[in-house]
Every structure is written in structure tokens, then in C-alpha cells.
Amino acid sequence: MRLPSIAGRLPRRAPDRPRVPFRTRLRRNRGRLLRRLLVTCLTLVVLVCGGAVVAYKLTVIPEPHPETVVQSTVFVDADGSYLGRRGPVDRQEVPLSQVPRHVQDAVIAAENRSFRTDTGVSPRALARAVWATVSGGAPQGGSTITQQYVKNALLTPERSLTRKAREALIAVKLDRTRDKDEILEGYLNTVYFGRGAAGVRAAARNYFDVAPEDLTVSQGAALAAIVNIPSYYEKAGSDPKVTARLRDRWEWVLDAMEAAGDITGEQRAAARFPAFRFYPPGGTEGQRQYLIDVAAQEAADRLGITGDQLARGGYTVHTTFDLALQDATAESVKDRAEGSGDGGVRVHTAVVGIEPGDGAVRVLYGGADYARQPFNDAVSGAVEAGSVLDPFGGVRLGGPLRGLHRSAAPTPLRLASAYAAVAADGVYAKPHTVTRITREGRTVHTARPESRRVLDGKGTFAVTARARQDFGEQDFGGQAVPLLPARAGGEEGNGTFLTAGAGGGITRRTVWSVGYDSRLTLAVALFADRPGAKKNTTVPAQLPNDPSPTGYAKELAGEIWRLAGGS
């Protein structure tokens, strides 16, 4: 039996069809492809926008980092001149209302000219930053002021696409939920200006020694120019190359301000490149730490807080010190014989100036070098009294001065306060270094003199009479030391000076020179020490004979007295 052929059961192959060209097929399917592409793009747009909306909704504006909100405490003298600061960061907040409009405009002109109208981000700058991150290029700037504030105060300095995206989201949300002035205030209080200054208040002080509200157009433009490269421009005024480069950028900022209508053509023409405080600071900065130590302790006690809380609290401590007289005193001491003698003997000089009846400490020289000797000789140094307390013998002293004449080694501060009580007709005023403490423009403490009578009229007269009689002409260690008359002017009358101490001849151990009238009481103390047998210890020593310590003390006291306004 013959089986049917397999070939008969297979379908016949259709004749070959001509192949349709790609262009023809593309043209025929173009509509369908365009529809698919459009749907794909719309889907991507919806996904991206939806993701952005979700991310925006989920984005929470973080609180500022603790290190960006901590503030230092600033100390100023009786006239408001800057004395120094305490705290981990040199920053004090200032409300935007206290920053002149021309300073605000200068920063906007230098950093983000569209700040008042933008949405908080710059798409072009954001794209450049993303591309630089992806391609491994150099970090890109150009962020808006809002983004800079977010980066500086709210986020970590990490460089990544994730952080950059979060920065942009927070910036947009911040711009939509906060007032522009609020953002600008936060930025001006946190941006770094160099010279250790975080924020415009510290920058105004460190560069020009003025408050922010006193910044001129030229000074404001200079600070705005510095923000670009603060670590480089901080040497302006001391480095000619840096100064020249900053001047070019300063000109550019002013031109931008004029073009924007922020300043007039007349203001632009009148602008002169400002003078800067010298940087780094001079040697007197370290000596002032003696004053800050005393005032900081007193301020913390007055507020009932710790020293660390004071340093981080953003206070302004108004002190009693006369900074010009203090610096002049430091120079006078340096120009005289303080130093080391034979055998490692080191001569110490302590100076205290107190206002009688008030207790305000005007001068407090506690040592030549705070870095080498943080111990304050004027406040804590126990100096052998010797005959300087003889005028108080047989006089009844009350209150804080009770037992003073039996004290073998009073501190210079205590001795000065005792003679200040004599100058104030027997009224003792507790020495103080703080007059007022403010915070964010509000007074939080005002000092009031703490005074009480410790001497009656008879006792006051007796002390002065004995000082004039016993020390008006004294042979002290082989040298005659006459009374130094000093007239304070007007009806104040003659001041009384006495020079005394412990020891005589070649055994002189301490020398005191004290002067007082109703305007000022001044005490100068000299003593010496030498290295002890054990490491890092000292023991008392005799004062060197050359130059004469009595002559030195008397001359120094007279010079400071004249600097203080005596004659």
C-alpha cells in the first residue's frame, strides 16, 4: 500500500514578496509611533512631577545646626569699644532692621541678584552642579542666597547628588513658606566672612570696628565682596595683593548696585575704598584676656549661669574698663623694667585703678602675657603689704575692710578698694567690672554700686594725715621718695601719693605706690619670684636693685595717673 506523499500535505510556499523599505514602513507607522512616544513622555513627566510633588510634601525644613545658632558673648569697655569675646564661634545675631538697606543690597548684588524675585533655586546653577558631580569636575558655585543659607545652616557640607537635591527642595519650600527678609536675615547671621567672623555683626567689628548699623556704603560693599572667598580676602589691608584683588571685586559690586538702582550715580562716584583693621590682631589682644576673665566671671555670677552658658549665650557685657587707659598702662609697663633678673628672678607688676564711691574698676593690669601666665596678679596675687598699711593702724575699719591692717599680704584689688574708701570719705564701694548686660538689644542686667560706710570722718582724716606725714618724704631702701602732688582739677583738690612696701636696703621684697583723690584711686604693686625646687613651682624672691624698684613704681604710678587725667 502506497502512503501519501508528505509534500502533498504541506502548504505551498507563497511567492516572495518585495521587502518594504524602512522609510516607507516608518512613514506608514509614524502616527502610531508618535502616539506611543507622546504617551511615554507624558508618563515620564507625570512620574517625575508626581515624584517631585511627593518629595516636596515629604520634605521637612530642618532646624539649624547647633553650631550655626550658638553665639559668642562680646565684651566692650565703658565707651563701647570692643574688648574681646568668649565662645566657640565669633557670631552674634542682629535683626535685619539693624542692617542698613545698602548693606543688604550689596550682598544681594554680589551673591544673588534675583534674590527678591526668584523661587529659591537657580535651575541653571543646579544643572551645572549636577553635571560637575556626575562628571567629577570641580564643585560649582552660583547657588542662590536661599540655597547658601540652607547649605550653611540647615544641612551638612556633604557633596552628593542626594544632598544637592534635598538642598533644592528645602530651598523651594523655604522660599514658599518664609518671608524673603527672614531668609536674608538668617543668611546674614550665619554666612562666614573670614577673620573668624560668622555673621555680619562680627564681620563689621572685625574688619571695621563698627556696629552693623554704622556700616557705610563702601564698607558694606567690601563685606559683600569678601563673602566670595573669605579665607583669602580676610588679609585685606595687610597684604597688598589681596587688597588689590578685593578692590577690583568691590568696584564690581558697586557697579552692580548702581545698575540695579540700589545707589545713585553720586553715591557711586563718592565711594572710596575703606580702610581695614589690621589683621592679624596685635599683641594687646592677649593681655586683655585678664580683663575678660574677671568680667566674664562677674557677669556669669550676676546672671546665675555658668561660664560656658555665658560664652554661648550671645550676650554683650558692658564693662567698667577704660580701654585706652588700659592699653596705655600695658605700654608703660612694657617700656619700663619689668622682666627677669639674675638667677631667674621674675619681676611682677600689678596695677589697679578704681573709681571711689562707685567701685568701678577702670584699670586692671594683671600680667604681661596671658598666654604664659593666665594667673591675674592684680586680682589674685597676694603681695606682702609691709608699711603700705601703716596709715590704717589704730583706725577702726568695718564691713569688707575689717581686719585689713592685720592682713600680711592683701591683693592689689583689695588694697586699692581700701584707699578708694578713704578717697570717698569713708564709703566703701565693692569693686565691680560689669555695668550692664544686654542680649539681642534688650538689657537683662544693670549693675548698681554696692556701698557702705566703713570709716567715719575722723578715721578718714587720720588715714590721709598719716599717709602725708609718714610717706611725704620717706627714706625707702636708700632712696628718698617725696609725695607726688596730683591735682584732679576743678574743686577736686590735691591727690595723695605714697610709696611703701616690705623690706629695705638690699632686702626689698615688695613695693607699693598708691595715689588717690575723689576721682580715682590707683595702686601699683611690685613683687618678684623665682623657680622653685619642684617643677612648675615658684617661690618669693627679692626685687632686683637695678633699676630701683621704688623709682620704677613711683614713676609708673605717676605716668598712669597723668594718663588718667591727673596733673
Protein backbone atom coordinates (compact mmCIF):
# COMPACT_ATOMS: atom_id res chain seq x y z
CA MET A 1 0.00 0.00 0.00
CA ARG A 2 1.41 3.34 -1.01
CA LEU A 3 1.45 6.08 1.57
CA PRO A 4 0.51 9.60 0.53
CA SER A 5 3.40 11.97 -0.03
CA ILE A 6 4.30 14.32 2.89
CA ALA A 7 4.99 17.07 0.44
CA GLY A 8 1.36 16.92 -0.64
CA ARG A 9 0.20 17.73 2.82
CA LEU A 10 2.48 20.88 3.34
CA PRO A 11 1.15 24.28 2.29
CA ARG A 12 2.61 25.65 -0.78
CA ARG A 13 5.13 28.50 -0.26
CA ALA A 14 3.82 31.82 -1.28
CA PRO A 15 5.82 33.57 -3.86
CA ASP A 16 8.44 36.03 -2.43
CA ARG A 17 7.03 39.47 -1.62
CA PRO A 18 9.13 42.51 -2.15
CA ARG A 19 10.54 43.95 1.11
CA VAL A 20 9.05 47.27 2.23
CA PRO A 21 11.75 49.94 2.70
CA PHE A 22 12.30 51.18 6.30
CA ARG A 23 11.38 54.73 5.41
CA THR A 24 8.14 53.56 3.94
CA ARG A 25 7.31 51.49 6.99
CA LEU A 26 8.30 54.41 9.25
CA ARG A 27 6.08 56.72 7.27
CA ARG A 28 3.17 54.32 7.44
CA ASN A 29 3.62 53.81 11.26
CA ARG A 30 4.66 57.38 12.09
CA GLY A 31 1.40 58.32 13.70
CA ARG A 32 1.34 55.26 15.86
CA LEU A 33 4.97 55.74 16.91
CA LEU A 34 4.40 59.40 17.73
CA ARG A 35 1.43 58.48 19.85
CA ARG A 36 3.49 55.90 21.73
CA LEU A 37 6.36 58.37 22.24
CA LEU A 38 3.99 61.04 23.44
CA VAL A 39 2.37 58.66 25.88
CA THR A 40 5.81 57.60 27.14
CA CYS A 41 6.95 61.21 27.59
CA LEU A 42 3.74 62.18 29.31
CA THR A 43 4.09 59.20 31.60
CA LEU A 44 7.65 60.18 32.47
CA VAL A 45 6.61 63.79 33.06
CA VAL A 46 3.76 62.67 35.28
CA LEU A 47 6.05 60.33 37.20
CA VAL A 48 8.75 62.98 37.62
CA CYS A 49 6.26 65.67 38.60
CA GLY A 50 4.43 63.32 40.89
CA GLY A 51 7.69 62.26 42.48
CA ALA A 52 8.70 65.90 42.89
CA VAL A 53 5.36 66.75 44.46
CA VAL A 54 5.59 63.81 46.82
CA ALA A 55 9.19 64.67 47.68
CA TYR A 56 8.20 68.31 48.26
CA LYS A 57 5.31 67.29 50.50
CA LEU A 58 7.54 64.94 52.47
CA THR A 59 10.35 67.49 52.79
CA VAL A 60 10.63 68.95 56.26
CA ILE A 61 12.62 72.12 56.83
CA PRO A 62 15.18 71.06 59.44
CA GLU A 63 16.17 73.08 62.45
CA PRO A 64 19.50 74.93 62.17
CA HIS A 65 22.55 73.02 63.34
CA PRO A 66 23.54 73.84 66.93
CA GLU A 67 26.91 75.20 65.81
CA THR A 68 25.20 77.70 63.50
CA VAL A 69 22.92 79.14 66.16
CA VAL A 70 25.40 79.30 69.03
CA GLN A 71 26.53 82.84 69.69
CA SER A 72 29.57 84.27 71.38
CA THR A 73 29.47 86.81 74.17
CA VAL A 74 31.16 90.11 73.45
CA PHE A 75 32.81 92.40 75.98
CA VAL A 76 33.06 96.16 75.47
CA ASP A 77 34.65 98.87 77.57
CA ALA A 78 32.94 101.81 79.28
CA ASP A 79 32.76 103.71 75.97
CA GLY A 80 31.50 100.73 73.96
CA SER A 81 34.85 99.91 72.31
CA TYR A 82 35.40 96.23 71.56
CA LEU A 83 37.39 94.47 74.25
CA GLY A 84 37.12 90.81 73.29
CA ARG A 85 34.81 87.82 73.22
CA ARG A 86 34.17 84.40 74.69
CA GLY A 87 32.58 81.50 72.87
CA PRO A 88 33.30 78.76 70.32
CA VAL A 89 32.18 80.88 67.34
CA ASP A 90 32.56 84.61 66.78
CA ARG A 91 28.90 85.23 65.99
CA GLN A 92 26.13 87.40 67.35
CA GLU A 93 22.71 87.66 65.76
CA VAL A 94 21.41 91.00 64.57
CA PRO A 95 17.86 91.72 63.35
CA LEU A 96 17.63 92.70 59.70
CA SER A 97 16.19 96.06 60.75
CA GLN A 98 19.63 96.92 62.15
CA VAL A 99 21.41 96.10 58.90
CA PRO A 100 21.33 99.13 56.55
CA ARG A 101 19.47 98.58 53.30
CA HIS A 102 22.60 99.40 51.30
CA VAL A 103 24.43 96.54 53.04
CA GLN A 104 21.60 94.14 52.21
CA ASP A 105 21.60 95.33 48.60
CA ALA A 106 25.37 94.92 48.36
CA VAL A 107 25.19 91.29 49.45
CA ILE A 108 22.34 90.62 47.02
CA ALA A 109 24.28 92.29 44.19
CA ALA A 110 27.35 90.16 44.93
CA GLU A 111 25.71 86.81 45.62
CA ASN A 112 22.24 86.54 44.06
CA ARG A 113 20.84 89.47 42.09
CA SER A 114 17.48 87.80 41.53
CA PHE A 115 17.01 87.02 45.22
CA ARG A 116 13.97 89.25 45.71
CA THR A 117 12.08 87.57 42.84
CA ASP A 118 13.42 84.02 42.39
CA THR A 119 11.87 80.83 43.75
CA GLY A 120 14.80 79.99 45.97
CA VAL A 121 16.77 77.98 43.41
CA SER A 122 18.65 78.66 40.19
CA PRO A 123 17.91 75.87 37.68
CA ARG A 124 20.96 76.73 35.61
CA ALA A 125 23.29 76.69 38.61
CA LEU A 126 21.66 73.48 39.84
CA ALA A 127 22.22 71.82 36.47
CA ARG A 128 25.89 72.89 36.50
CA ALA A 129 26.33 71.45 39.98
CA VAL A 130 24.71 68.16 39.00
CA TRP A 131 26.86 67.86 35.88
CA ALA A 132 30.01 68.66 37.88
CA THR A 133 29.13 65.95 40.41
CA VAL A 134 28.38 63.36 37.72
CA SER A 135 31.41 64.17 35.60
CA GLY A 136 33.78 64.51 38.54
CA GLY A 137 34.51 68.16 37.78
CA ALA A 138 35.27 70.96 40.20
CA PRO A 139 32.47 71.95 42.61
CA GLN A 140 30.25 74.62 41.12
CA GLY A 141 29.02 77.75 42.87
CA GLY A 142 26.25 80.02 41.76
CA SER A 143 23.71 78.91 44.36
CA THR A 144 21.06 81.38 45.42
CA ILE A 145 21.20 83.08 48.80
CA THR A 146 18.39 80.78 49.91
CA GLN A 147 20.37 77.69 48.89
CA GLN A 148 23.51 79.01 50.58
CA TYR A 149 21.57 79.56 53.78
CA VAL A 150 20.15 76.02 53.60
CA LYS A 151 23.61 74.59 52.94
CA ASN A 152 25.35 76.61 55.67
CA ALA A 153 22.77 76.43 58.44
CA LEU A 154 20.43 73.50 57.82
CA LEU A 155 22.42 70.76 56.06
CA THR A 156 25.79 69.06 56.33
CA PRO A 157 28.65 70.08 53.99
CA GLU A 158 28.46 66.69 52.23
CA ARG A 159 28.81 66.90 48.43
CA SER A 160 26.48 64.48 46.66
CA LEU A 161 23.54 64.50 44.25
CA THR A 162 21.20 63.43 47.05
CA ARG A 163 22.24 66.32 49.28
CA LYS A 164 22.07 68.77 46.36
CA ALA A 165 18.54 67.63 45.53
CA ARG A 166 17.49 67.93 49.16
CA GLU A 167 19.06 71.39 49.31
CA ALA A 168 16.98 72.47 46.31
CA LEU A 169 13.75 71.06 47.74
CA ILE A 170 14.30 72.71 51.11
CA ALA A 171 15.22 75.99 49.40
CA VAL A 172 11.99 75.98 47.37
CA LYS A 173 9.90 75.13 50.41
CA LEU A 174 11.69 77.73 52.50
CA ASP A 175 11.07 80.34 49.82
CA ARG A 176 7.36 79.47 49.69
CA THR A 177 6.84 79.39 53.45
CA ARG A 178 9.15 82.13 54.72
CA ASP A 179 9.42 85.82 54.01
CA LYS A 180 12.40 86.91 51.91
CA ASP A 181 13.57 89.22 54.68
CA GLU A 182 13.53 86.33 57.14
CA ILE A 183 15.70 84.26 54.82
CA LEU A 184 18.09 87.15 54.24
CA GLU A 185 18.37 87.77 57.98
CA GLY A 186 19.23 84.12 58.59
CA TYR A 187 21.82 84.22 55.81
CA LEU A 188 23.48 87.41 57.06
CA ASN A 189 23.68 85.95 60.57
CA THR A 190 25.35 82.70 59.50
CA VAL A 191 27.48 83.36 56.40
CA TYR A 192 31.23 83.29 57.01
CA PHE A 193 33.16 86.50 56.33
CA GLY A 194 36.68 85.43 57.27
CA ARG A 195 38.74 86.62 60.26
CA GLY A 196 36.76 84.11 62.33
CA ALA A 197 33.59 86.16 61.86
CA ALA A 198 30.33 84.28 61.30
CA GLY A 199 27.60 86.78 60.51
CA VAL A 200 27.54 90.46 59.66
CA ARG A 201 27.82 91.77 63.23
CA ALA A 202 31.14 90.06 63.89
CA ALA A 203 32.34 90.95 60.38
CA ALA A 204 31.56 94.65 60.84
CA ARG A 205 33.53 94.63 64.08
CA ASN A 206 36.49 92.54 62.91
CA TYR A 207 37.03 94.43 59.66
CA PHE A 208 35.97 97.98 60.53
CA ASP A 209 35.40 98.10 64.33
CA VAL A 210 31.84 99.38 63.92
CA ALA A 211 28.35 98.11 64.64
CA PRO A 212 26.43 96.77 61.61
CA GLU A 213 24.03 99.73 61.64
CA ASP A 214 27.01 102.07 61.20
CA LEU A 215 28.40 100.40 58.06
CA THR A 216 28.83 102.81 55.16
CA VAL A 217 28.04 102.04 51.53
CA SER A 218 31.73 101.41 50.85
CA GLN A 219 32.16 99.16 53.88
CA GLY A 220 29.01 97.21 53.10
CA ALA A 221 30.18 96.62 49.51
CA ALA A 222 33.55 95.43 50.80
CA LEU A 223 31.95 92.89 53.15
CA ALA A 224 29.72 91.67 50.32
CA ALA A 225 32.79 91.23 48.11
CA ILE A 226 34.60 89.27 50.83
CA VAL A 227 31.89 86.57 51.06
CA ASN A 228 33.08 85.08 47.76
CA ILE A 229 36.46 83.88 49.13
CA PRO A 230 36.52 84.87 52.81
CA SER A 231 39.65 82.96 53.82
CA TYR A 232 41.60 84.78 51.10
CA TYR A 233 40.17 88.27 51.47
CA GLU A 234 40.49 88.34 55.27
CA LYS A 235 44.04 89.66 54.81
CA ALA A 236 42.74 92.82 53.13
CA GLY A 237 44.55 95.85 54.44
CA SER A 238 47.71 93.95 55.37
CA ASP A 239 48.50 92.09 52.12
CA PRO A 240 48.82 94.41 49.08
CA LYS A 241 47.98 91.68 46.56
CA VAL A 242 44.85 90.62 48.41
CA THR A 243 43.82 94.23 48.92
CA ALA A 244 44.16 95.00 45.19
CA ARG A 245 42.11 91.97 44.20
CA LEU A 246 39.40 92.79 46.72
CA ARG A 247 39.29 96.36 45.46
CA ASP A 248 38.50 95.11 41.94
CA ARG A 249 35.64 92.99 43.25
CA TRP A 250 34.46 95.91 45.42
CA GLU A 251 34.24 98.07 42.30
CA TRP A 252 32.23 95.32 40.59
CA VAL A 253 29.76 95.14 43.49
CA LEU A 254 29.25 98.91 43.48
CA ASP A 255 28.71 98.92 39.70
CA ALA A 256 26.06 96.22 40.11
CA MET A 257 24.36 98.22 42.85
CA GLU A 258 24.26 101.31 40.67
CA ALA A 259 22.92 99.35 37.69
CA ALA A 260 20.14 97.94 39.88
CA GLY A 261 19.25 101.37 41.21
CA ASP A 262 20.30 100.50 44.77
CA ILE A 263 22.62 103.50 44.92
CA THR A 264 22.70 106.68 42.89
CA GLY A 265 25.41 107.75 40.49
CA GLU A 266 26.51 110.36 43.02
CA GLN A 267 26.86 107.72 45.72
CA ARG A 268 28.85 105.53 43.35
CA ALA A 269 31.17 108.36 42.44
CA ALA A 270 31.66 109.33 46.08
CA ALA A 271 32.51 105.80 47.24
CA ARG A 272 36.06 105.32 48.47
CA PHE A 273 37.73 102.01 49.21
CA PRO A 274 37.54 101.62 53.01
CA ALA A 275 40.38 101.21 55.48
CA PHE A 276 40.51 97.87 57.31
CA ARG A 277 41.54 96.97 60.82
CA PHE A 278 44.97 95.42 60.84
CA TYR A 279 44.96 91.64 60.62
CA PRO A 280 46.08 89.56 62.43
CA PRO A 281 45.40 91.50 65.66
CA GLY A 282 48.20 92.99 67.70
CA GLY A 283 49.76 91.75 70.92
CA THR A 284 47.45 93.71 73.21
CA GLU A 285 44.63 91.28 72.40
CA GLY A 286 46.18 88.60 74.62
CA GLN A 287 46.75 91.00 77.54
CA ARG A 288 43.06 91.92 77.51
CA GLN A 289 42.16 88.37 78.42
CA TYR A 290 42.92 89.26 82.04
CA LEU A 291 40.08 91.78 81.90
CA ILE A 292 37.72 89.37 80.15
CA ASP A 293 38.40 86.65 82.73
CA VAL A 294 37.30 88.91 85.59
CA ALA A 295 34.32 90.43 83.76
CA ALA A 296 33.12 87.03 82.50
CA GLN A 297 33.13 85.54 85.99
CA GLU A 298 31.26 88.54 87.37
CA ALA A 299 28.72 88.53 84.52
CA ALA A 300 28.03 84.80 84.95
CA ASP A 301 27.53 85.30 88.69
CA ARG A 302 25.17 88.22 88.09
CA LEU A 303 23.04 86.16 85.68
CA GLY A 304 23.20 82.98 87.75
CA ILE A 305 24.62 80.89 84.92
CA THR A 306 27.84 79.02 84.22
CA GLY A 307 30.76 80.47 82.35
CA ASP A 308 30.08 78.15 79.42
CA GLN A 309 26.45 79.26 79.25
CA LEU A 310 27.60 82.87 79.22
CA ALA A 311 30.13 82.23 76.45
CA ARG A 312 27.47 80.61 74.24
CA GLY A 313 24.64 82.96 75.15
CA GLY A 314 25.13 85.84 72.72
CA TYR A 315 25.36 88.47 75.45
CA THR A 316 27.05 91.85 75.28
CA VAL A 317 28.81 92.63 78.54
CA HIS A 318 29.39 96.34 79.11
CA THR A 319 32.38 96.67 81.40
CA THR A 320 33.79 99.49 83.53
CA PHE A 321 37.23 99.39 81.91
CA ASP A 322 38.82 102.34 80.17
CA LEU A 323 40.41 100.52 77.26
CA ALA A 324 42.56 103.44 76.13
CA LEU A 325 43.99 103.82 79.63
CA GLN A 326 44.37 100.05 79.95
CA ASP A 327 46.37 99.79 76.73
CA ALA A 328 48.46 102.82 77.71
CA THR A 329 49.18 101.18 81.07
CA ALA A 330 50.30 97.99 79.34
CA GLU A 331 52.64 100.00 77.12
CA SER A 332 54.01 101.93 80.11
CA VAL A 333 54.78 98.71 81.96
CA LYS A 334 56.40 97.19 78.89
CA ASP A 335 58.62 100.24 78.40
CA ARG A 336 59.94 100.03 81.96
CA ALA A 337 61.89 97.45 83.91
CA GLU A 338 59.52 94.51 84.20
CA GLY A 339 61.20 91.27 83.31
CA SER A 340 63.68 88.74 84.61
CA GLY A 341 66.64 89.42 86.79
CA ASP A 342 69.64 87.36 87.87
CA GLY A 343 69.00 83.78 88.92
CA GLY A 344 65.72 83.58 87.04
CA VAL A 345 64.08 86.20 89.26
CA ARG A 346 60.96 87.50 87.56
CA VAL A 347 59.52 90.89 88.48
CA HIS A 348 55.72 91.17 88.52
CA THR A 349 53.79 94.40 88.13
CA ALA A 350 50.13 94.71 89.07
CA VAL A 351 48.04 97.85 88.53
CA VAL A 352 44.50 98.59 89.73
CA GLY A 353 42.54 101.79 89.19
CA ILE A 354 39.17 102.21 90.95
CA GLU A 355 36.61 104.98 90.94
CA PRO A 356 35.99 105.95 94.60
CA GLY A 357 32.41 105.80 95.82
CA ASP A 358 31.31 103.69 92.86
CA GLY A 359 33.74 100.76 92.81
CA ALA A 360 34.05 100.76 89.03
CA VAL A 361 37.40 99.24 88.02
CA ARG A 362 38.93 101.41 85.30
CA VAL A 363 42.35 99.76 85.01
CA LEU A 364 43.31 96.18 85.81
CA TYR A 365 46.79 95.13 84.73
CA GLY A 366 47.32 91.57 85.89
CA GLY A 367 50.37 90.47 83.93
CA ALA A 368 52.41 90.95 80.80
CA ASP A 369 51.46 87.80 78.90
CA TYR A 370 48.20 85.92 79.44
CA ALA A 371 49.42 83.02 77.28
CA ARG A 372 52.36 82.38 79.61
CA GLN A 373 50.68 83.41 82.86
CA PRO A 374 46.86 83.28 83.00
CA PHE A 375 47.07 83.96 86.75
CA ASN A 376 45.93 87.54 87.39
CA ASP A 377 48.37 89.28 89.74
CA ALA A 378 46.06 92.27 90.26
CA VAL A 379 43.07 90.24 91.42
CA SER A 380 44.55 87.10 92.95
CA GLY A 381 48.17 87.93 93.69
CA ALA A 382 48.94 88.09 97.43
CA VAL A 383 51.52 90.87 97.78
CA GLU A 384 53.32 91.42 101.07
CA ALA A 385 51.95 94.68 102.44
CA GLY A 386 54.70 95.92 104.69
CA SER A 387 54.36 99.58 105.61
CA VAL A 388 51.73 100.40 102.96
CA LEU A 389 49.02 99.58 105.52
CA ASP A 390 50.56 101.67 108.32
CA PRO A 391 48.17 104.62 107.76
CA PHE A 392 45.28 102.32 108.74
CA GLY A 393 46.86 101.46 112.08
CA GLY A 394 44.64 102.29 115.03
CA VAL A 395 41.70 103.15 112.75
CA ARG A 396 38.51 101.17 113.11
CA LEU A 397 37.54 99.57 109.82
CA GLY A 398 34.14 97.99 109.25
CA GLY A 399 32.44 95.79 106.67
CA PRO A 400 34.63 94.18 104.00
CA LEU A 401 37.71 96.07 105.22
CA ARG A 402 37.53 94.70 108.74
CA GLY A 403 40.91 93.24 109.66
CA LEU A 404 42.68 94.74 106.65
CA HIS A 405 45.50 96.32 108.66
CA ARG A 406 46.31 92.87 110.08
CA SER A 407 46.48 91.33 106.60
CA ALA A 408 50.04 90.36 105.77
CA ALA A 409 49.53 90.05 102.01
CA PRO A 410 46.43 91.70 100.50
CA THR A 411 45.68 91.57 96.81
CA PRO A 412 46.26 94.79 94.84
CA LEU A 413 42.50 94.96 94.18
CA ARG A 414 41.67 94.85 97.89
CA LEU A 415 44.29 97.42 98.82
CA ALA A 416 43.08 99.78 96.07
CA SER A 417 39.48 99.40 97.28
CA ALA A 418 40.59 100.30 100.82
CA TYR A 419 42.24 103.55 99.77
CA ALA A 420 39.26 104.23 97.48
CA ALA A 421 37.08 104.16 100.61
CA VAL A 422 39.35 106.78 102.15
CA ALA A 423 39.05 108.89 98.99
CA ALA A 424 35.23 108.58 99.18
CA ASP A 425 35.09 109.96 102.75
CA GLY A 426 34.85 106.54 104.34
CA VAL A 427 32.34 104.94 101.96
CA TYR A 428 33.46 101.56 100.64
CA ALA A 429 32.13 100.51 97.23
CA LYS A 430 32.52 96.89 96.24
CA PRO A 431 34.82 96.72 93.17
CA HIS A 432 32.94 95.71 90.04
CA THR A 433 33.79 95.35 86.36
CA VAL A 434 30.31 95.00 84.82
CA THR A 435 27.83 97.84 84.40
CA ARG A 436 25.23 96.30 82.11
CA ILE A 437 24.49 93.08 80.24
CA THR A 438 22.38 93.02 77.09
CA ARG A 439 21.10 90.31 74.78
CA GLU A 440 19.59 90.92 71.35
CA GLY A 441 19.33 94.60 72.16
CA ARG A 442 17.49 94.09 75.47
CA THR A 443 19.04 94.84 78.84
CA VAL A 444 18.99 91.73 81.04
CA HIS A 445 21.02 93.10 83.94
CA THR A 446 22.01 96.54 85.23
CA ALA A 447 24.62 96.79 87.96
CA ARG A 448 24.11 99.04 90.97
CA PRO A 449 27.02 100.03 93.20
CA GLU A 450 27.12 98.11 96.47
CA SER A 451 28.41 100.60 99.02
CA ARG A 452 28.51 101.03 102.78
CA ARG A 453 30.33 103.23 105.27
CA VAL A 454 33.43 101.57 106.69
CA LEU A 455 35.22 104.63 108.10
CA ASP A 456 33.91 107.60 110.00
CA GLY A 457 35.07 111.12 109.21
CA LYS A 458 37.72 111.08 111.91
CA GLY A 459 39.17 107.82 110.63
CA THR A 460 39.26 109.06 107.04
CA PHE A 461 41.11 112.20 108.08
CA ALA A 462 43.54 110.17 110.16
CA VAL A 463 44.49 107.81 107.31
CA THR A 464 45.20 110.67 104.90
CA ALA A 465 47.09 112.66 107.51
CA ARG A 466 49.32 109.70 108.34
CA ALA A 467 49.92 108.94 104.66
CA ARG A 468 51.05 112.51 104.09
CA GLN A 469 53.09 112.65 107.26
CA ASP A 470 54.72 109.25 107.16
CA PHE A 471 55.29 108.96 103.41
CA GLY A 472 55.51 112.55 102.28
CA GLU A 473 59.28 112.19 102.49
CA GLN A 474 60.50 108.67 103.22
CA ASP A 475 63.87 107.04 103.01
CA PHE A 476 62.87 103.77 101.40
CA GLY A 477 65.74 101.47 100.60
CA GLY A 478 68.25 104.27 100.35
CA GLN A 479 66.12 106.46 98.07
CA ALA A 480 64.09 109.50 99.10
CA VAL A 481 60.56 109.22 97.77
CA PRO A 482 58.74 112.56 98.07
CA LEU A 483 54.99 112.98 97.98
CA LEU A 484 53.82 113.32 94.38
CA PRO A 485 51.17 116.03 94.28
CA ALA A 486 48.42 115.41 91.77
CA ARG A 487 45.54 117.73 91.14
CA ALA A 488 42.40 116.28 89.58
CA GLY A 489 41.17 119.70 88.50
CA GLY A 490 38.32 121.99 89.49
CA GLU A 491 37.36 121.66 93.13
CA GLU A 492 38.67 118.13 93.46
CA GLY A 493 41.70 119.19 95.47
CA ASN A 494 45.14 117.60 95.74
CA GLY A 495 45.66 113.90 95.36
CA THR A 496 47.69 111.94 97.89
CA PHE A 497 50.53 109.62 96.84
CA LEU A 498 52.56 107.28 98.99
CA THR A 499 55.23 104.73 98.18
CA ALA A 500 55.91 101.98 100.68
CA GLY A 501 56.39 98.24 100.93
CA ALA A 502 58.18 95.39 102.64
CA GLY A 503 61.89 95.24 103.28
CA GLY A 504 64.58 97.84 102.90
CA GLY A 505 68.06 98.23 101.52
CA ILE A 506 69.07 95.06 99.68
CA THR A 507 66.20 93.04 101.20
CA ARG A 508 63.35 94.75 99.40
CA ARG A 509 60.64 92.23 98.73
CA THR A 510 57.65 94.32 97.61
CA VAL A 511 56.99 97.92 96.63
CA TRP A 512 53.62 99.67 96.54
CA SER A 513 52.80 103.07 95.08
CA VAL A 514 49.31 104.31 95.86
CA GLY A 515 47.61 107.52 94.80
CA TYR A 516 44.07 108.68 95.44
CA ASP A 517 41.66 111.55 95.26
CA SER A 518 37.88 111.74 94.83
CA ARG A 519 38.20 110.92 91.12
CA LEU A 520 40.50 107.88 91.05
CA THR A 521 42.39 105.51 93.31
CA LEU A 522 45.45 103.93 91.76
CA ALA A 523 47.59 101.13 93.22
CA VAL A 524 50.81 99.82 91.66
CA ALA A 525 52.42 96.74 93.22
CA LEU A 526 55.83 95.22 92.51
CA PHE A 527 56.96 91.83 93.71
CA ALA A 528 59.23 89.06 92.45
CA ASP A 529 59.52 85.29 92.33
CA ARG A 530 61.94 82.68 91.08
CA PRO A 531 61.64 78.99 90.08
CA GLY A 532 61.05 76.63 92.98
CA ALA A 533 62.77 73.37 93.75
CA LYS A 534 59.91 71.41 92.22
CA LYS A 535 58.97 71.63 88.56
CA ASN A 536 56.47 74.35 87.60
CA THR A 537 56.60 75.99 91.02
CA THR A 538 57.80 79.42 92.13
CA VAL A 539 58.89 80.93 95.43
CA PRO A 540 59.07 84.58 96.52
CA ALA A 541 62.27 86.43 95.71
CA GLN A 542 63.87 89.77 96.46
CA LEU A 543 63.37 92.56 93.97
CA PRO A 544 66.45 93.36 91.85
CA ASN A 545 68.21 96.58 92.83
CA ASP A 546 68.77 97.79 89.28
CA PRO A 547 66.73 99.60 88.22
CA SER A 548 65.47 100.89 91.54
CA PRO A 549 62.06 99.26 92.21
CA THR A 550 60.92 102.26 94.28
CA GLY A 551 61.78 104.63 91.47
CA TYR A 552 60.13 102.35 88.95
CA ALA A 553 56.90 102.03 90.96
CA LYS A 554 56.70 105.76 91.64
CA GLU A 555 57.44 106.68 88.04
CA LEU A 556 54.93 104.17 86.66
CA ALA A 557 52.20 105.30 89.05
CA GLY A 558 52.80 108.94 88.14
CA GLU A 559 52.66 108.19 84.42
CA ILE A 560 49.38 106.26 84.69
CA TRP A 561 47.94 108.98 86.92
CA ARG A 562 48.71 111.61 84.28
CA LEU A 563 47.28 109.40 81.53
CA ALA A 564 44.09 109.10 83.56
CA GLY A 565 43.69 112.87 83.58
CA GLY A 566 45.60 113.91 86.68
CA SER A 567 48.21 116.66 86.56
